[in-house]
């Protein structure tokens, strides 16, 4: 049932709320059903494409920036349409996941289903820990992903 599922926590664990993806990935490792791969990636496009190679469904978790309050969670389907690049504009990655998804789509290597959980970041300060709001969002996103995997 869960074969072919990959969860990718995207971000830099040393840059404040940009660590949300790796934090979710770390928390999920011991909780996901058999057959689900959980990986961490800093967001470099070829590393992302390598992480989801051969997957039927990929679930990505990354920090986003918009007008929403820190810790807000948005779930986006990126299988058919591109992601709004403006959400990933303040990312600490050189190239964001929106661009990596579009590159994979152009190359014909995008998994059948691509789900992105974006968590509104408040800070990207080097050396800072997750903000209180984003730390709470880690629990929210973890629960939502587990529910999706078991559905």
Protein backbone atom coordinates (compact mmCIF):
# COMPACT_ATOMS: atom_id res chain seq x y z
CA UNK A 1 0.00 0.00 0.00
CA UNK A 2 2.79 2.47 0.84
CA UNK A 3 5.43 1.18 -1.56
CA UNK A 4 6.58 3.97 -3.82
CA UNK A 5 5.96 6.74 -1.27
CA UNK A 6 8.75 9.17 -0.44
CA UNK A 7 8.64 11.99 2.09
CA UNK A 8 11.26 14.70 1.65
CA UNK A 9 11.96 17.24 4.38
CA UNK A 10 13.50 20.20 2.57
CA UNK A 11 15.52 22.86 4.33
CA UNK A 12 18.57 23.90 6.24
CA UNK A 13 18.56 22.74 9.87
CA UNK A 14 20.88 25.61 10.83
CA UNK A 15 18.64 28.51 9.61
CA UNK A 16 15.75 29.04 12.00
CA UNK A 17 12.36 28.10 10.57
CA UNK A 18 13.97 26.77 7.38
CA UNK A 19 14.57 23.65 9.50
CA UNK A 20 10.87 22.74 9.41
CA UNK A 21 11.27 20.17 6.61
CA UNK A 22 14.14 18.31 8.26
CA UNK A 23 12.29 18.45 11.62
CA UNK A 24 9.20 16.82 10.10
CA UNK A 25 11.35 14.19 8.37
CA UNK A 26 13.18 13.36 11.60
CA UNK A 27 9.91 12.97 13.48
CA UNK A 28 8.32 10.79 10.80
CA UNK A 29 11.17 8.30 10.39
CA UNK A 30 10.02 6.03 13.22
CA UNK A 31 6.30 6.54 12.55
CA UNK A 32 5.74 5.88 8.85
CA UNK A 33 4.37 2.57 7.58
CA UNK A 34 6.70 -0.04 6.10
CA UNK A 35 7.78 0.85 2.59
CA UNK A 36 7.75 4.63 2.98
CA UNK A 37 11.13 6.31 2.53
CA UNK A 38 11.86 9.47 4.52
CA UNK A 39 14.77 11.66 3.47
CA UNK A 40 16.20 15.09 4.19
CA UNK A 41 17.41 17.41 1.46
CA UNK A 42 18.62 20.99 1.44
CA UNK A 43 16.66 21.65 -1.76
CA UNK A 44 19.20 21.37 -4.57
CA UNK A 45 17.16 20.25 -7.62
CA UNK A 46 19.19 17.20 -8.65
CA UNK A 47 19.29 15.99 -5.03
CA UNK A 48 15.50 16.37 -4.83
CA UNK A 49 15.03 14.46 -8.08
CA UNK A 50 17.37 11.73 -6.83
CA UNK A 51 15.41 11.55 -3.56
CA UNK A 52 12.10 10.87 -5.31
CA UNK A 53 13.45 8.78 -8.20
CA UNK A 54 11.18 5.81 -8.79
CA UNK A 55 8.50 7.05 -6.40
CA UNK A 56 4.81 6.97 -7.26
CA UNK A 57 4.00 9.68 -4.71
CA UNK A 58 6.26 12.26 -3.10
CA UNK A 59 5.35 14.46 -0.17
CA UNK A 60 7.60 17.49 0.27
CA UNK A 61 7.76 19.69 3.37
CA UNK A 62 9.40 23.11 3.17
CA UNK A 63 9.28 26.59 4.67
CA UNK A 64 7.28 29.19 2.74
CA UNK A 65 6.83 32.95 2.96
CA UNK A 66 3.61 34.83 2.30
CA UNK A 67 1.41 37.16 4.29
CA UNK A 68 0.23 34.35 6.59
CA UNK A 69 1.21 34.17 10.27
CA UNK A 70 4.29 32.05 11.14
CA UNK A 71 3.37 28.41 11.61
CA UNK A 72 0.47 28.49 9.14
CA UNK A 73 0.30 25.33 7.06
CA UNK A 74 -0.74 25.07 3.42
CA UNK A 75 -1.12 21.83 1.43
CA UNK A 76 -0.64 22.06 -2.32
CA UNK A 77 -0.96 19.52 -5.11
CA UNK A 78 1.80 19.99 -7.68
CA UNK A 79 1.13 16.96 -9.86
CA UNK A 80 -0.75 18.82 -12.59
CA UNK A 81 0.07 22.50 -11.96
CA UNK A 82 3.14 24.39 -10.87
CA UNK A 83 3.57 25.82 -7.40
CA UNK A 84 3.36 29.55 -6.78
CA UNK A 85 7.08 30.40 -6.79
CA UNK A 86 6.37 33.51 -4.67
CA UNK A 87 5.79 31.24 -1.64
CA UNK A 88 9.38 30.03 -1.84
CA UNK A 89 10.94 33.42 -2.67
CA UNK A 90 12.80 33.81 0.65
CA UNK A 91 14.03 30.25 0.71
CA UNK A 92 17.61 29.64 1.73
CA UNK A 93 17.95 27.20 -1.18
CA UNK A 94 19.65 28.53 -4.29
CA UNK A 95 16.86 27.11 -6.43
CA UNK A 96 13.52 26.39 -4.78
CA UNK A 97 11.36 23.30 -4.87
CA UNK A 98 8.95 24.99 -7.29
CA UNK A 99 11.73 25.15 -9.86
CA UNK A 100 12.90 21.60 -9.09
CA UNK A 101 9.36 20.30 -9.65
CA UNK A 102 9.08 22.13 -12.96
CA UNK A 103 12.48 20.83 -14.06
CA UNK A 104 11.41 17.26 -13.26
CA UNK A 105 8.10 17.83 -15.07
CA UNK A 106 10.00 19.04 -18.17
CA UNK A 107 12.32 16.03 -18.00
CA UNK A 108 9.42 13.60 -17.56
CA UNK A 109 10.69 12.38 -14.18
CA UNK A 110 8.06 13.91 -11.87
CA UNK A 111 6.30 11.30 -9.71
CA UNK A 112 2.62 10.59 -10.43
CA UNK A 113 1.51 12.48 -7.32
CA UNK A 114 3.36 15.43 -5.77
CA UNK A 115 2.08 16.95 -2.54
CA UNK A 116 3.77 19.91 -0.89
CA UNK A 117 3.22 21.01 2.68
CA UNK A 118 4.40 24.57 3.12
CA UNK A 119 4.88 25.99 6.60
CA UNK A 120 4.97 29.75 6.95
CA UNK A 121 8.37 30.73 8.31
CA UNK A 122 9.04 33.62 10.65
CA UNK A 123 12.83 33.65 10.71
CA UNK A 124 15.75 32.36 8.65
CA UNK A 125 18.46 33.61 11.03
CA UNK A 126 21.56 31.38 10.98
CA UNK A 127 22.01 29.46 14.21
CA UNK A 128 18.46 30.08 15.45
CA UNK A 129 16.12 27.24 16.45
CA UNK A 130 12.61 26.81 15.10
CA UNK A 131 10.22 29.49 16.31
CA UNK A 132 7.52 28.36 18.74
CA UNK A 133 4.81 28.62 16.05
CA UNK A 134 6.76 26.60 13.50
CA UNK A 135 7.72 23.98 16.10
CA UNK A 136 3.98 23.50 16.71
CA UNK A 137 3.41 23.26 12.94
CA UNK A 138 5.90 20.35 12.82
CA UNK A 139 3.41 18.33 14.89
CA UNK A 140 0.48 19.43 12.73
CA UNK A 141 2.21 18.50 9.47
CA UNK A 142 3.44 15.19 10.89
CA UNK A 143 -0.12 14.24 11.86
CA UNK A 144 -1.51 15.27 8.45
CA UNK A 145 1.11 13.28 6.56
CA UNK A 146 0.50 10.19 8.68
CA UNK A 147 -3.24 10.51 8.03
CA UNK A 148 -2.57 10.73 4.28
CA UNK A 149 -0.37 7.66 4.35
CA UNK A 150 -2.99 5.64 6.21
CA UNK A 151 -5.93 6.82 4.05
